[in-house]
Structure formats: C-alpha cells, structure tokens
C-alpha cells in the first residue's frame, strides 16, 4: 500500500527522512492491520488507515537512554492477532557517541549489515537484539485519545555463540522474521547463517524464565536473507546473501 492510499503523519514522517539518519522501513500488512515502520517509531493502523497505536523503541533496562533503540524487523501472525518485532539496542561505551553525536542515529544504517559493526566506536561498541511478541486483540478504539501500544506477551534477548573464526557481531538477526502458517512458531534468520526456530507461548513448554524454547539450526555459511515455511509446517525454504537456496526439514515436526 502506498502512502497516498491512507492518512499519514506526513510532517512527522518527513522529519524521520530529512537526513537525521532514521529510515522508513516500509509498510507491513497483517489481517485487518497496517503497520508503518520507522526505525524510531511504529504506527499501527486499522483497515481504514486510522492510527490506532504508536510505539517508540522499548528500553532494555531502567538505566537505558530513551534514544538507544532502533526497530529492525516485523511480522504479523496469520490471524492478525499478534505482531512480532525485532529491535536493536546499542551501547557505545562511556567515551563515545554522546547524545549530540550523529552516529547515534546513523550508525545503524551502515551498509555492511552482515558484519554488524559499530562504525567509529571501536571495541567499546556493542549491539543487542531483542525479539518481542505483542498482542493486537485489544488495541485502543478508533477515535480514542489513547495511543498506548498493545501489551507485550514476552521479550527475549537474541543470543547465541558465534561460529569459530567469526566475529561476535555475526550472531545478529539479518532481517528475516516470519511466522509459520499455524501461527505457532517464529523463525529468525541470522547473519552467520543460523536460523532460530522459536515456539510461541501455549504451543510448547517454556523455559524457567517463561520464555518459549526453540533450537538454533545451522543452515547456511552466510547471512540468511529469506525464509518461507511450508503450509504444513514441516519444511523451510531459505536463501542466503549469495543467493544459495536450500529446502530443509524443520525440527519437531
């Protein structure tokens, strides 16, 4: 859907694109929903294009500065009742990238996404990625003054040991985030070729901390760019940055 097809906060959107380093991530269509994604804000719209809720990047901890998060990837569940989001938190260390440093806004748009390097910050720079699942079943009513974002069902920090000989920054989501056809599992493609198979609450036993469990599957040698599960949930089509394509059986099916 093009921007001209529905009302939009044109002034606000333009401010995100005026050289401050924040990007428009596109439109994401779910059953009954339209999500306008910016790196620094999400706008959740209903079928008429009316904004029902807005969201800025969450804070990973109570001491985090509000500006240190950027949204990354999005996926609606098949029934339109849930929204999965990956967002990124960066920590430049104590001696780099103050609030007035433009790198705080521009570093995340580096073209070398497969390396996940913090430009200009050296060894002090660290990335952290989080996967959140949000319920869309009870959003603010149309016309309501409240634009509070729907309740988060859970949040998980995306971690994993990188492959031998590869930098620690390789273990980062590269972009793909998809639900299976039944809405029971999420799949995340990583920069080192791994794919995370994550069962959702109510569909698998949870870990001690309440976070659903699921394995990492080593599929490719390079960053995963595409993921497409089969309708029966048994197989996965994947492609990496070199255009190598594979079809493989999903675990647990």
C-alpha atoms as a PDB file:
ATOM      1  CA  UNK A   1       0.000   0.000   0.000  1.00  0.00           C
ATOM      2  CA  UNK A   2       1.376   3.406  -0.945  1.00  0.00           C
ATOM      3  CA  UNK A   3       1.460   6.302   1.438  1.00  0.00           C
ATOM      4  CA  UNK A   4      -1.099   8.176  -0.649  1.00  0.00           C
ATOM      5  CA  UNK A   5      -3.702   5.460  -0.009  1.00  0.00           C
ATOM      6  CA  UNK A   6      -4.296   6.359   3.627  1.00  0.00           C
ATOM      7  CA  UNK A   7      -3.859   9.260   6.048  1.00  0.00           C
ATOM      8  CA  UNK A   8      -0.359   9.670   7.356  1.00  0.00           C
ATOM      9  CA  UNK A   9       1.570  11.900   9.700  1.00  0.00           C
ATOM     10  CA  UNK A  10       3.364  13.494   6.753  1.00  0.00           C
ATOM     11  CA  UNK A  11       5.272  16.078   8.736  1.00  0.00           C
ATOM     12  CA  UNK A  12       6.414  13.553  11.305  1.00  0.00           C
ATOM     13  CA  UNK A  13       7.352  11.010   8.637  1.00  0.00           C
ATOM     14  CA  UNK A  14       9.318  13.598   6.668  1.00  0.00           C
ATOM     15  CA  UNK A  15      11.249  14.513   9.782  1.00  0.00           C
ATOM     16  CA  UNK A  16      12.340  10.882  10.002  1.00  0.00           C
ATOM     17  CA  UNK A  17      13.720  11.100   6.455  1.00  0.00           C
ATOM     18  CA  UNK A  18      15.403  14.519   6.497  1.00  0.00           C
ATOM     19  CA  UNK A  19      18.989  13.379   6.997  1.00  0.00           C
ATOM     20  CA  UNK A  20      18.854  12.581  10.693  1.00  0.00           C
ATOM     21  CA  UNK A  21      19.854   9.008   9.924  1.00  0.00           C
ATOM     22  CA  UNK A  22      16.469   7.454  10.670  1.00  0.00           C
ATOM     23  CA  UNK A  23      14.848   5.404   7.943  1.00  0.00           C
ATOM     24  CA  UNK A  24      11.367   4.496   6.810  1.00  0.00           C
ATOM     25  CA  UNK A  25      11.269   0.686   6.912  1.00  0.00           C
ATOM     26  CA  UNK A  26       8.137   0.300   4.797  1.00  0.00           C
ATOM     27  CA  UNK A  27       4.577  -0.920   5.176  1.00  0.00           C
ATOM     28  CA  UNK A  28       3.703  -4.298   6.685  1.00  0.00           C
ATOM     29  CA  UNK A  29       0.250  -5.770   6.080  1.00  0.00           C
ATOM     30  CA  UNK A  30      -1.500  -8.102   8.509  1.00  0.00           C
ATOM     31  CA  UNK A  31      -5.075  -9.380   8.690  1.00  0.00           C
ATOM     32  CA  UNK A  32      -7.015  -6.208   9.438  1.00  0.00           C
ATOM     33  CA  UNK A  33      -3.876  -4.180  10.214  1.00  0.00           C
ATOM     34  CA  UNK A  34      -1.328  -1.975   8.509  1.00  0.00           C
ATOM     35  CA  UNK A  35       1.977  -1.220  10.210  1.00  0.00           C
ATOM     36  CA  UNK A  36       4.051   1.771   9.133  1.00  0.00           C
ATOM     37  CA  UNK A  37       7.580   1.139  10.318  1.00  0.00           C
ATOM     38  CA  UNK A  38      10.225   3.738  11.060  1.00  0.00           C
ATOM     39  CA  UNK A  39      13.489   2.900  12.757  1.00  0.00           C
ATOM     40  CA  UNK A  40      12.460   5.143  15.649  1.00  0.00           C
ATOM     41  CA  UNK A  41       8.667   4.709  15.704  1.00  0.00           C
ATOM     42  CA  UNK A  42       5.888   2.283  14.773  1.00  0.00           C
ATOM     43  CA  UNK A  43       2.438   3.426  13.633  1.00  0.00           C
ATOM     44  CA  UNK A  44      -0.272   0.749  13.853  1.00  0.00           C
ATOM     45  CA  UNK A  45      -3.246   1.483  11.580  1.00  0.00           C
ATOM     46  CA  UNK A  46      -6.580  -0.265  11.119  1.00  0.00           C
ATOM     47  CA  UNK A  47      -8.161  -1.178   7.774  1.00  0.00           C
ATOM     48  CA  UNK A  48      -9.243   2.426   7.173  1.00  0.00           C
ATOM     49  CA  UNK A  49      -5.731   3.775   7.661  1.00  0.00           C
ATOM     50  CA  UNK A  50      -6.555   5.400  11.001  1.00  0.00           C
ATOM     51  CA  UNK A  51      -3.730   5.307  13.542  1.00  0.00           C
ATOM     52  CA  UNK A  52      -4.728   3.112  16.488  1.00  0.00           C
ATOM     53  CA  UNK A  53      -1.425   2.994  18.378  1.00  0.00           C
ATOM     54  CA  UNK A  54       2.140   4.295  18.227  1.00  0.00           C
ATOM     55  CA  UNK A  55       5.337   2.890  19.676  1.00  0.00           C
ATOM     56  CA  UNK A  56       8.918   4.048  20.192  1.00  0.00           C
ATOM     57  CA  UNK A  57      11.701   1.504  20.836  1.00  0.00           C
ATOM     58  CA  UNK A  58      11.394  -0.063  24.294  1.00  0.00           C
ATOM     59  CA  UNK A  59      14.099   0.222  26.917  1.00  0.00           C
ATOM     60  CA  UNK A  60      16.111  -2.878  27.731  1.00  0.00           C
ATOM     61  CA  UNK A  61      16.681  -1.723  31.299  1.00  0.00           C
ATOM     62  CA  UNK A  62      15.769   1.083  33.729  1.00  0.00           C
ATOM     63  CA  UNK A  63      19.037   2.958  33.113  1.00  0.00           C
ATOM     64  CA  UNK A  64      18.888   2.936  29.307  1.00  0.00           C
ATOM     65  CA  UNK A  65      18.727   6.291  27.492  1.00  0.00           C
ATOM     66  CA  UNK A  66      15.476   6.573  25.508  1.00  0.00           C
ATOM     67  CA  UNK A  67      17.287   7.127  22.190  1.00  0.00           C
ATOM     68  CA  UNK A  68      19.381   3.980  22.158  1.00  0.00           C
ATOM     69  CA  UNK A  69      16.957   1.646  20.374  1.00  0.00           C
ATOM     70  CA  UNK A  70      16.046   1.083  16.729  1.00  0.00           C
ATOM     71  CA  UNK A  71      13.368  -1.141  15.245  1.00  0.00           C
ATOM     72  CA  UNK A  72      14.624  -3.805  12.860  1.00  0.00           C
ATOM     73  CA  UNK A  73      12.132  -6.430  11.574  1.00  0.00           C
ATOM     74  CA  UNK A  74       8.385  -7.074  11.813  1.00  0.00           C
ATOM     75  CA  UNK A  75       5.907  -9.918  11.201  1.00  0.00           C
ATOM     76  CA  UNK A  76       2.158 -10.304  11.706  1.00  0.00           C
ATOM     77  CA  UNK A  77       0.706 -13.642  12.773  1.00  0.00           C
ATOM     78  CA  UNK A  78      -1.563 -15.260  10.133  1.00  0.00           C
ATOM     79  CA  UNK A  79      -4.705 -14.433  12.141  1.00  0.00           C
ATOM     80  CA  UNK A  80      -3.643 -10.806  12.661  1.00  0.00           C
ATOM     81  CA  UNK A  81      -3.854 -11.105  16.446  1.00  0.00           C
ATOM     82  CA  UNK A  82      -0.125 -10.865  17.191  1.00  0.00           C
ATOM     83  CA  UNK A  83       2.815  -8.798  15.995  1.00  0.00           C
ATOM     84  CA  UNK A  84       6.423  -9.918  16.324  1.00  0.00           C
ATOM     85  CA  UNK A  85       9.132  -7.241  16.305  1.00  0.00           C
ATOM     86  CA  UNK A  86      12.916  -7.324  16.464  1.00  0.00           C
ATOM     87  CA  UNK A  87      14.523  -4.167  17.790  1.00  0.00           C
ATOM     88  CA  UNK A  88      18.130  -3.273  18.376  1.00  0.00           C
ATOM     89  CA  UNK A  89      19.801  -1.619  21.333  1.00  0.00           C
ATOM     90  CA  UNK A  90      23.284  -0.170  21.048  1.00  0.00           C
ATOM     91  CA  UNK A  91      25.808   0.698  23.730  1.00  0.00           C
ATOM     92  CA  UNK A  92      28.701   2.821  22.521  1.00  0.00           C
ATOM     93  CA  UNK A  93      30.597   2.689  25.788  1.00  0.00           C
ATOM     94  CA  UNK A  94      31.400   5.561  28.170  1.00  0.00           C
ATOM     95  CA  UNK A  95      33.675   7.606  25.907  1.00  0.00           C
ATOM     96  CA  UNK A  96      31.948   7.628  22.524  1.00  0.00           C
ATOM     97  CA  UNK A  97      28.715   8.743  20.874  1.00  0.00           C
ATOM     98  CA  UNK A  98      27.127  11.275  23.170  1.00  0.00           C
ATOM     99  CA  UNK A  99      23.510  12.326  22.722  1.00  0.00           C
ATOM    100  CA  UNK A 100      24.529  15.052  20.248  1.00  0.00           C
ATOM    101  CA  UNK A 101      26.719  12.705  18.204  1.00  0.00           C
ATOM    102  CA  UNK A 102      25.036  11.974  14.839  1.00  0.00           C
ATOM    103  CA  UNK A 103      26.414   8.440  14.967  1.00  0.00           C
ATOM    104  CA  UNK A 104      23.715   7.612  17.477  1.00  0.00           C
ATOM    105  CA  UNK A 105      21.190   7.981  14.665  1.00  0.00           C
ATOM    106  CA  UNK A 106      23.252   6.965  11.652  1.00  0.00           C
ATOM    107  CA  UNK A 107      25.365   4.026  12.756  1.00  0.00           C
ATOM    108  CA  UNK A 108      22.535   1.531  12.332  1.00  0.00           C
ATOM    109  CA  UNK A 109      22.179   2.240   8.604  1.00  0.00           C
ATOM    110  CA  UNK A 110      25.683   1.039   7.743  1.00  0.00           C
ATOM    111  CA  UNK A 111      25.587  -0.932   4.519  1.00  0.00           C
ATOM    112  CA  UNK A 112      27.650  -3.805   5.932  1.00  0.00           C
ATOM    113  CA  UNK A 113      24.687  -5.333   7.728  1.00  0.00           C
ATOM    114  CA  UNK A 114      26.242  -8.782   7.659  1.00  0.00           C
ATOM    115  CA  UNK A 115      29.141  -7.588   9.831  1.00  0.00           C
ATOM    116  CA  UNK A 116      27.025  -5.629  12.339  1.00  0.00           C
ATOM    117  CA  UNK A 117      29.921  -3.328  13.110  1.00  0.00           C
ATOM    118  CA  UNK A 118      29.592  -0.162  15.139  1.00  0.00           C
ATOM    119  CA  UNK A 119      31.227   2.463  12.966  1.00  0.00           C
ATOM    120  CA  UNK A 120      33.628   4.816  14.690  1.00  0.00           C
ATOM    121  CA  UNK A 121      33.119   3.328  18.143  1.00  0.00           C
ATOM    122  CA  UNK A 122      35.762   0.616  18.135  1.00  0.00           C
ATOM    123  CA  UNK A 123      35.772  -2.220  20.633  1.00  0.00           C
ATOM    124  CA  UNK A 124      33.611  -0.271  23.096  1.00  0.00           C
ATOM    125  CA  UNK A 125      30.563  -0.595  20.859  1.00  0.00           C
ATOM    126  CA  UNK A 126      28.101  -3.435  21.408  1.00  0.00           C
ATOM    127  CA  UNK A 127      24.813  -4.417  19.793  1.00  0.00           C
ATOM    128  CA  UNK A 128      21.970  -6.195  21.491  1.00  0.00           C
ATOM    129  CA  UNK A 129      18.900  -7.530  19.700  1.00  0.00           C
ATOM    130  CA  UNK A 130      15.518  -8.285  21.250  1.00  0.00           C
ATOM    131  CA  UNK A 131      12.545 -10.249  19.945  1.00  0.00           C
ATOM    132  CA  UNK A 132       9.138  -9.202  21.287  1.00  0.00           C
ATOM    133  CA  UNK A 133       5.661 -10.582  20.700  1.00  0.00           C
ATOM    134  CA  UNK A 134       2.728  -8.192  21.093  1.00  0.00           C
ATOM    135  CA  UNK A 135      -0.994  -8.928  21.281  1.00  0.00           C
ATOM    136  CA  UNK A 136      -3.267  -6.973  18.920  1.00  0.00           C
ATOM    137  CA  UNK A 137      -6.545  -8.317  20.294  1.00  0.00           C
ATOM    138  CA  UNK A 138      -7.444  -5.247  22.392  1.00  0.00           C
ATOM    139  CA  UNK A 139      -5.905  -2.118  20.825  1.00  0.00           C
ATOM    140  CA  UNK A 140      -7.225   1.381  21.613  1.00  0.00           C
ATOM    141  CA  UNK A 141     -10.610   2.018  19.983  1.00  0.00           C
ATOM    142  CA  UNK A 142     -10.765   4.213  16.918  1.00  0.00           C
ATOM    143  CA  UNK A 143     -11.105   7.838  17.937  1.00  0.00           C
ATOM    144  CA  UNK A 144      -9.708   7.181  21.391  1.00  0.00           C
ATOM    145  CA  UNK A 145      -7.221   9.714  22.706  1.00  0.00           C
ATOM    146  CA  UNK A 146      -5.086   6.833  23.939  1.00  0.00           C
ATOM    147  CA  UNK A 147      -2.372   5.638  21.573  1.00  0.00           C
ATOM    148  CA  UNK A 148      -0.860   3.177  24.024  1.00  0.00           C
ATOM    149  CA  UNK A 149       0.788   0.222  22.349  1.00  0.00           C
ATOM    150  CA  UNK A 150      -0.746  -3.248  22.853  1.00  0.00           C
ATOM    151  CA  UNK A 151       0.545  -5.357  25.723  1.00  0.00           C
ATOM    152  CA  UNK A 152       3.751  -7.332  25.159  1.00  0.00           C
ATOM    153  CA  UNK A 153       3.309 -11.068  25.660  1.00  0.00           C
ATOM    154  CA  UNK A 154       7.041 -11.647  26.117  1.00  0.00           C
ATOM    155  CA  UNK A 155      10.502 -10.320  25.298  1.00  0.00           C
ATOM    156  CA  UNK A 156      13.608 -12.344  24.549  1.00  0.00           C
ATOM    157  CA  UNK A 157      17.204 -11.255  24.048  1.00  0.00           C
ATOM    158  CA  UNK A 158      18.553 -12.893  20.896  1.00  0.00           C
ATOM    159  CA  UNK A 159      21.818 -14.566  21.814  1.00  0.00           C
ATOM    160  CA  UNK A 160      23.947 -17.433  20.656  1.00  0.00           C
ATOM    161  CA  UNK A 161      27.585 -18.406  20.382  1.00  0.00           C
ATOM    162  CA  UNK A 162      29.079 -17.381  17.016  1.00  0.00           C
ATOM    163  CA  UNK A 163      30.756 -19.960  14.832  1.00  0.00           C
ATOM    164  CA  UNK A 164      34.529 -20.464  15.384  1.00  0.00           C
ATOM    165  CA  UNK A 165      36.609 -17.932  13.485  1.00  0.00           C
ATOM    166  CA  UNK A 166      33.771 -15.447  13.057  1.00  0.00           C
ATOM    167  CA  UNK A 167      33.414 -12.152  14.928  1.00  0.00           C
ATOM    168  CA  UNK A 168      30.952 -11.946  17.858  1.00  0.00           C
ATOM    169  CA  UNK A 169      28.928  -9.404  15.883  1.00  0.00           C
ATOM    170  CA  UNK A 170      27.979 -12.150  13.416  1.00  0.00           C
ATOM    171  CA  UNK A 171      25.352 -13.534  15.789  1.00  0.00           C
ATOM    172  CA  UNK A 172      22.730 -10.947  14.923  1.00  0.00           C
ATOM    173  CA  UNK A 173      19.412 -11.058  13.054  1.00  0.00           C
ATOM    174  CA  UNK A 174      19.915 -10.170   9.399  1.00  0.00           C
ATOM    175  CA  UNK A 175      16.324  -9.333   8.574  1.00  0.00           C
ATOM    176  CA  UNK A 176      14.028 -12.339   8.023  1.00  0.00           C
ATOM    177  CA  UNK A 177      11.322 -12.740  10.673  1.00  0.00           C
ATOM    178  CA  UNK A 178       8.318 -14.939   9.799  1.00  0.00           C
ATOM    179  CA  UNK A 179       5.504 -16.925  11.432  1.00  0.00           C
ATOM    180  CA  UNK A 180       4.566 -20.412  10.325  1.00  0.00           C
ATOM    181  CA  UNK A 181       1.137 -20.906   8.720  1.00  0.00           C
ATOM    182  CA  UNK A 182      -0.396 -22.079  12.012  1.00  0.00           C
ATOM    183  CA  UNK A 183       0.917 -19.082  13.974  1.00  0.00           C
ATOM    184  CA  UNK A 184       2.629 -21.439  16.423  1.00  0.00           C
ATOM    185  CA  UNK A 185       6.284 -20.685  15.683  1.00  0.00           C
ATOM    186  CA  UNK A 186       8.558 -17.788  14.722  1.00  0.00           C
ATOM    187  CA  UNK A 187      11.665 -18.039  12.553  1.00  0.00           C
ATOM    188  CA  UNK A 188      14.590 -15.601  12.632  1.00  0.00           C
ATOM    189  CA  UNK A 189      17.435 -15.571  10.087  1.00  0.00           C
ATOM    190  CA  UNK A 190      20.883 -14.616  11.385  1.00  0.00           C
ATOM    191  CA  UNK A 191      23.960 -13.027   9.837  1.00  0.00           C
ATOM    192  CA  UNK A 192      26.080 -16.146  10.417  1.00  0.00           C
ATOM    193  CA  UNK A 193      23.719 -18.474   8.519  1.00  0.00           C
ATOM    194  CA  UNK A 194      21.798 -19.851  11.501  1.00  0.00           C
ATOM    195  CA  UNK A 195      18.007 -19.921  11.771  1.00  0.00           C
ATOM    196  CA  UNK A 196      16.186 -19.664  15.090  1.00  0.00           C
ATOM    197  CA  UNK A 197      13.063 -21.835  15.419  1.00  0.00           C
ATOM    198  CA  UNK A 198      11.090 -20.335  18.294  1.00  0.00           C
ATOM    199  CA  UNK A 199       7.884 -21.897  19.607  1.00  0.00           C
ATOM    200  CA  UNK A 200       5.278 -19.422  20.836  1.00  0.00           C
ATOM    201  CA  UNK A 201       3.540 -19.383  24.241  1.00  0.00           C
ATOM    202  CA  UNK A 202       0.872 -22.048  24.507  1.00  0.00           C
ATOM    203  CA  UNK A 203       2.404 -24.237  21.823  1.00  0.00           C
ATOM    204  CA  UNK A 204       5.489 -25.618  23.590  1.00  0.00           C
ATOM    205  CA  UNK A 205       6.964 -25.978  27.099  1.00  0.00           C
ATOM    206  CA  UNK A 206       8.544 -22.752  28.340  1.00  0.00           C
ATOM    207  CA  UNK A 207      11.970 -22.269  29.861  1.00  0.00           C
ATOM    208  CA  UNK A 208      12.324 -21.472  33.563  1.00  0.00           C
ATOM    209  CA  UNK A 209      12.116 -17.748  32.868  1.00  0.00           C
ATOM    210  CA  UNK A 210       8.868 -18.170  30.943  1.00  0.00           C
ATOM    211  CA  UNK A 211      10.459 -17.640  27.519  1.00  0.00           C
ATOM    212  CA  UNK A 212       9.418 -20.240  24.932  1.00  0.00           C
ATOM    213  CA  UNK A 213      12.147 -22.658  23.939  1.00  0.00           C
ATOM    214  CA  UNK A 214      13.464 -23.475  20.485  1.00  0.00           C
ATOM    215  CA  UNK A 215      16.641 -24.564  18.694  1.00  0.00           C
ATOM    216  CA  UNK A 216      19.179 -22.793  16.505  1.00  0.00           C
ATOM    217  CA  UNK A 217      19.651 -24.591  13.198  1.00  0.00           C
ATOM    218  CA  UNK A 218      22.879 -24.148  11.199  1.00  0.00           C
ATOM    219  CA  UNK A 219      21.741 -23.899   7.586  1.00  0.00           C
ATOM    220  CA  UNK A 220      23.944 -21.507   5.612  1.00  0.00           C
ATOM    221  CA  UNK A 221      27.506 -20.202   5.779  1.00  0.00           C
ATOM    222  CA  UNK A 222      26.448 -16.618   5.024  1.00  0.00           C
ATOM    223  CA  UNK A 223      23.706 -14.250   6.176  1.00  0.00           C
ATOM    224  CA  UNK A 224      20.161 -15.555   5.763  1.00  0.00           C
ATOM    225  CA  UNK A 225      18.055 -13.206   3.616  1.00  0.00           C
ATOM    226  CA  UNK A 226      14.819 -15.170   3.014  1.00  0.00           C
ATOM    227  CA  UNK A 227      12.711 -17.643   4.991  1.00  0.00           C
ATOM    228  CA  UNK A 228       9.486 -19.289   3.833  1.00  0.00           C
ATOM    229  CA  UNK A 229       7.969 -22.195   5.819  1.00  0.00           C
ATOM    230  CA  UNK A 230       5.733 -24.717   4.055  1.00  0.00           C
ATOM    231  CA  UNK A 231       1.974 -24.610   4.784  1.00  0.00           C
ATOM    232  CA  UNK A 232       2.152 -27.880   6.739  1.00  0.00           C
ATOM    233  CA  UNK A 233       4.965 -26.565   8.964  1.00  0.00           C
ATOM    234  CA  UNK A 234       7.335 -29.415   8.107  1.00  0.00           C
ATOM    235  CA  UNK A 235       9.749 -27.769   5.665  1.00  0.00           C
ATOM    236  CA  UNK A 236      11.562 -24.471   5.266  1.00  0.00           C
ATOM    237  CA  UNK A 237      12.844 -22.717   2.161  1.00  0.00           C
ATOM    238  CA  UNK A 238      15.787 -20.418   2.878  1.00  0.00           C
ATOM    239  CA  UNK A 239      18.197 -18.270   0.904  1.00  0.00           C
ATOM    240  CA  UNK A 240      21.418 -16.525   1.911  1.00  0.00           C
ATOM    241  CA  UNK A 241      23.154 -13.375   0.739  1.00  0.00           C
ATOM    242  CA  UNK A 242      24.999 -15.283  -2.021  1.00  0.00           C
ATOM    243  CA  UNK A 243      21.634 -16.491  -3.435  1.00  0.00           C
ATOM    244  CA  UNK A 244      22.279 -20.054  -2.271  1.00  0.00           C
ATOM    245  CA  UNK A 245      18.896 -21.706  -1.730  1.00  0.00           C
ATOM    246  CA  UNK A 246      18.035 -24.668   0.462  1.00  0.00           C
ATOM    247  CA  UNK A 247      14.959 -26.663   1.454  1.00  0.00           C
ATOM    248  CA  UNK A 248      15.266 -28.402   4.816  1.00  0.00           C
ATOM    249  CA  UNK A 249      13.092 -30.188   7.341  1.00  0.00           C
ATOM    250  CA  UNK A 250      12.077 -28.230  10.403  1.00  0.00           C
ATOM    251  CA  UNK A 251      12.840 -29.730  13.810  1.00  0.00           C
ATOM    252  CA  UNK A 252       9.991 -31.016  15.927  1.00  0.00           C
ATOM    253  CA  UNK A 253       7.728 -31.981  13.013  1.00  0.00           C
END
